[in-house]
Amino acid sequence: MTTRKSEYIIGIAKLMKNGELTKEKLLSMDEFKQVENALIKIRD
């Protein structure tokens, strides 16, 4: 796994820990594009 991928996974874990990102929020999004955009924002 690359360093960048590891950082991305750690970022997601931190957001999930603080409640900023949850499985429920992602599942409640109507379209794949919404989920994709939410996850892409983490990367920036």
PDB file of N, CA and C in Angstrom:
ATOM      1  N   MET A   1       0.856  -1.168   0.000  1.00  0.00           N
ATOM      2  CA  MET A   1       0.000   0.000   0.000  1.00  0.00           C
ATOM      3  C   MET A   1       0.904   1.233   0.000  1.00  0.00           C
ATOM      4  N   THR A   2       0.504   2.227  -0.783  1.00  0.00           N
ATOM      5  CA  THR A   2       1.305   3.445  -0.853  1.00  0.00           C
ATOM      6  C   THR A   2       1.054   4.327   0.361  1.00  0.00           C
ATOM      7  N   THR A   3       1.959   5.247   0.580  1.00  0.00           N
ATOM      8  CA  THR A   3       1.812   6.199   1.682  1.00  0.00           C
ATOM      9  C   THR A   3       0.546   7.022   1.508  1.00  0.00           C
ATOM     10  N   ARG A   4       0.272   7.440   0.281  1.00  0.00           N
ATOM     11  CA  ARG A   4      -0.910   8.269   0.017  1.00  0.00           C
ATOM     12  C   ARG A   4      -2.196   7.518   0.341  1.00  0.00           C
ATOM     13  N   LYS A   5      -2.264   6.252  -0.043  1.00  0.00           N
ATOM     14  CA  LYS A   5      -3.452   5.450   0.256  1.00  0.00           C
ATOM     15  C   LYS A   5      -3.618   5.286   1.767  1.00  0.00           C
ATOM     16  N   SER A   6      -2.513   5.088   2.446  1.00  0.00           N
ATOM     17  CA  SER A   6      -2.557   4.956   3.908  1.00  0.00           C
ATOM     18  C   SER A   6      -3.077   6.233   4.550  1.00  0.00           C
ATOM     19  N   GLU A   7      -2.610   7.375   4.065  1.00  0.00           N
ATOM     20  CA  GLU A   7      -3.075   8.667   4.593  1.00  0.00           C
ATOM     21  C   GLU A   7      -4.568   8.838   4.356  1.00  0.00           C
ATOM     22  N   TYR A   8      -5.033   8.420   3.193  1.00  0.00           N
ATOM     23  CA  TYR A   8      -6.446   8.522   2.842  1.00  0.00           C
ATOM     24  C   TYR A   8      -7.295   7.678   3.792  1.00  0.00           C
ATOM     25  N   ILE A   9      -6.867   6.466   4.053  1.00  0.00           N
ATOM     26  CA  ILE A   9      -7.595   5.569   4.959  1.00  0.00           C
ATOM     27  C   ILE A   9      -7.596   6.126   6.381  1.00  0.00           C
ATOM     28  N   ILE A  10      -6.464   6.655   6.822  1.00  0.00           N
ATOM     29  CA  ILE A  10      -6.389   7.254   8.154  1.00  0.00           C
ATOM     30  C   ILE A  10      -7.317   8.464   8.249  1.00  0.00           C
ATOM     31  N   GLY A  11      -7.370   9.258   7.189  1.00  0.00           N
ATOM     32  CA  GLY A  11      -8.268  10.422   7.152  1.00  0.00           C
ATOM     33  C   GLY A  11      -9.720  10.007   7.284  1.00  0.00           C
ATOM     34  N   ILE A  12     -10.109   8.957   6.578  1.00  0.00           N
ATOM     35  CA  ILE A  12     -11.479   8.445   6.672  1.00  0.00           C
ATOM     36  C   ILE A  12     -11.764   7.954   8.090  1.00  0.00           C
ATOM     37  N   ALA A  13     -10.820   7.234   8.663  1.00  0.00           N
ATOM     38  CA  ALA A  13     -10.998   6.719  10.026  1.00  0.00           C
ATOM     39  C   ALA A  13     -11.179   7.851  11.028  1.00  0.00           C
ATOM     40  N   LYS A  14     -10.400   8.918  10.880  1.00  0.00           N
ATOM     41  CA  LYS A  14     -10.523  10.066  11.793  1.00  0.00           C
ATOM     42  C   LYS A  14     -11.887  10.725  11.662  1.00  0.00           C
ATOM     43  N   LEU A  15     -12.364  10.899  10.416  1.00  0.00           N
ATOM     44  CA  LEU A  15     -13.680  11.501  10.201  1.00  0.00           C
ATOM     45  C   LEU A  15     -14.790  10.632  10.786  1.00  0.00           C
ATOM     46  N   MET A  16     -14.632   9.326  10.669  1.00  0.00           N
ATOM     47  CA  MET A  16     -15.640   8.423  11.233  1.00  0.00           C
ATOM     48  C   MET A  16     -15.599   8.454  12.758  1.00  0.00           C
ATOM     49  N   LYS A  17     -14.411   8.586  13.312  1.00  0.00           N
ATOM     50  CA  LYS A  17     -14.286   8.638  14.771  1.00  0.00           C
ATOM     51  C   LYS A  17     -14.969   9.881  15.336  1.00  0.00           C
ATOM     52  N   ASN A  18     -14.797  11.055  14.665  1.00  0.00           N
ATOM     53  CA  ASN A  18     -15.438  12.289  15.170  1.00  0.00           C
ATOM     54  C   ASN A  18     -16.908  12.375  14.789  1.00  0.00           C
ATOM     55  N   GLY A  19     -17.396  11.448  13.961  1.00  0.00           N
ATOM     56  CA  GLY A  19     -18.799  11.486  13.564  1.00  0.00           C
ATOM     57  C   GLY A  19     -19.077  12.348  12.349  1.00  0.00           C
ATOM     58  N   GLU A  20     -18.037  12.921  11.759  1.00  0.00           N
ATOM     59  CA  GLU A  20     -18.234  13.750  10.563  1.00  0.00           C
ATOM     60  C   GLU A  20     -18.619  12.907   9.355  1.00  0.00           C
ATOM     61  N   LEU A  21     -18.214  11.657   9.357  1.00  0.00           N
ATOM     62  CA  LEU A  21     -18.540  10.728   8.285  1.00  0.00           C
ATOM     63  C   LEU A  21     -19.014   9.440   8.928  1.00  0.00           C
ATOM     64  N   THR A  22     -20.176   8.966   8.514  1.00  0.00           N
ATOM     65  CA  THR A  22     -20.685   7.711   9.057  1.00  0.00           C
ATOM     66  C   THR A  22     -21.165   6.819   7.925  1.00  0.00           C
ATOM     67  N   LYS A  23     -21.239   5.561   8.213  1.00  0.00           N
ATOM     68  CA  LYS A  23     -21.764   4.603   7.244  1.00  0.00           C
ATOM     69  C   LYS A  23     -23.206   4.968   6.894  1.00  0.00           C
ATOM     70  N   GLU A  24     -23.950   5.386   7.910  1.00  0.00           N
ATOM     71  CA  GLU A  24     -25.349   5.743   7.705  1.00  0.00           C
ATOM     72  C   GLU A  24     -25.485   6.937   6.773  1.00  0.00           C
ATOM     73  N   LYS A  25     -24.611   7.949   6.941  1.00  0.00           N
ATOM     74  CA  LYS A  25     -24.653   9.121   6.056  1.00  0.00           C
ATOM     75  C   LYS A  25     -24.375   8.720   4.617  1.00  0.00           C
ATOM     76  N   LEU A  26     -23.383   7.862   4.429  1.00  0.00           N
ATOM     77  CA  LEU A  26     -23.058   7.421   3.073  1.00  0.00           C
ATOM     78  C   LEU A  26     -24.202   6.601   2.475  1.00  0.00           C
ATOM     79  N   LEU A  27     -24.785   5.708   3.272  1.00  0.00           N
ATOM     80  CA  LEU A  27     -25.878   4.876   2.769  1.00  0.00           C
ATOM     81  C   LEU A  27     -27.151   5.676   2.499  1.00  0.00           C
ATOM     82  N   SER A  28     -27.314   6.797   3.187  1.00  0.00           N
ATOM     83  CA  SER A  28     -28.518   7.604   2.990  1.00  0.00           C
ATOM     84  C   SER A  28     -28.450   8.472   1.738  1.00  0.00           C
ATOM     85  N   MET A  29     -27.283   8.574   1.147  1.00  0.00           N
ATOM     86  CA  MET A  29     -27.146   9.363  -0.078  1.00  0.00           C
ATOM     87  C   MET A  29     -27.831   8.624  -1.224  1.00  0.00           C
ATOM     88  N   ASP A  30     -28.581   9.381  -2.015  1.00  0.00           N
ATOM     89  CA  ASP A  30     -29.417   8.785  -3.059  1.00  0.00           C
ATOM     90  C   ASP A  30     -28.634   8.231  -4.247  1.00  0.00           C
ATOM     91  N   GLU A  31     -27.557   8.878  -4.601  1.00  0.00           N
ATOM     92  CA  GLU A  31     -26.854   8.485  -5.814  1.00  0.00           C
ATOM     93  C   GLU A  31     -25.382   8.202  -5.541  1.00  0.00           C
ATOM     94  N   PHE A  32     -24.825   7.332  -6.358  1.00  0.00           N
ATOM     95  CA  PHE A  32     -23.407   6.997  -6.242  1.00  0.00           C
ATOM     96  C   PHE A  32     -22.550   8.240  -6.343  1.00  0.00           C
ATOM     97  N   LYS A  33     -22.933   9.174  -7.207  1.00  0.00           N
ATOM     98  CA  LYS A  33     -22.144  10.385  -7.428  1.00  0.00           C
ATOM     99  C   LYS A  33     -22.038  11.200  -6.138  1.00  0.00           C
ATOM    100  N   GLN A  34     -23.079  11.230  -5.329  1.00  0.00           N
ATOM    101  CA  GLN A  34     -23.035  11.939  -4.046  1.00  0.00           C
ATOM    102  C   GLN A  34     -22.008  11.304  -3.114  1.00  0.00           C
ATOM    103  N   VAL A  35     -22.009   9.992  -3.058  1.00  0.00           N
ATOM    104  CA  VAL A  35     -21.052   9.268  -2.216  1.00  0.00           C
ATOM    105  C   VAL A  35     -19.636   9.529  -2.724  1.00  0.00           C
ATOM    106  N   GLU A  36     -19.472   9.428  -4.025  1.00  0.00           N
ATOM    107  CA  GLU A  36     -18.167   9.664  -4.633  1.00  0.00           C
ATOM    108  C   GLU A  36     -17.646  11.066  -4.301  1.00  0.00           C
ATOM    109  N   ASN A  37     -18.495  12.063  -4.441  1.00  0.00           N
ATOM    110  CA  ASN A  37     -18.100  13.438  -4.141  1.00  0.00           C
ATOM    111  C   ASN A  37     -17.753  13.629  -2.670  1.00  0.00           C
ATOM    112  N   ALA A  38     -18.503  12.997  -1.786  1.00  0.00           N
ATOM    113  CA  ALA A  38     -18.228  13.094  -0.344  1.00  0.00           C
ATOM    114  C   ALA A  38     -16.862  12.503  -0.026  1.00  0.00           C
ATOM    115  N   LEU A  39     -16.529  11.384  -0.674  1.00  0.00           N
ATOM    116  CA  LEU A  39     -15.242  10.743  -0.411  1.00  0.00           C
ATOM    117  C   LEU A  39     -14.090  11.498  -1.070  1.00  0.00           C
ATOM    118  N   ILE A  40     -14.329  12.078  -2.224  1.00  0.00           N
ATOM    119  CA  ILE A  40     -13.290  12.843  -2.910  1.00  0.00           C
ATOM    120  C   ILE A  40     -12.912  14.087  -2.099  1.00  0.00           C
ATOM    121  N   LYS A  41     -13.878  14.687  -1.430  1.00  0.00           N
ATOM    122  CA  LYS A  41     -13.601  15.876  -0.610  1.00  0.00           C
ATOM    123  C   LYS A  41     -12.586  15.569   0.479  1.00  0.00           C
ATOM    124  N   ILE A  42     -12.577  14.353   0.972  1.00  0.00           N
ATOM    125  CA  ILE A  42     -11.647  13.944   2.018  1.00  0.00           C
ATOM    126  C   ILE A  42     -10.209  14.033   1.499  1.00  0.00           C
ATOM    127  N   ARG A  43     -10.043  13.683   0.255  1.00  0.00           N
ATOM    128  CA  ARG A  43      -8.736  13.620  -0.374  1.00  0.00           C
ATOM    129  C   ARG A  43      -8.077  14.987  -0.506  1.00  0.00           C
ATOM    130  N   ASP A  44      -8.885  16.020  -0.674  1.00  0.00           N
ATOM    131  CA  ASP A  44      -8.358  17.365  -0.916  1.00  0.00           C
ATOM    132  C   ASP A  44      -7.740  18.010   0.294  1.00  0.00           C
TER     133      ASP A  44
END
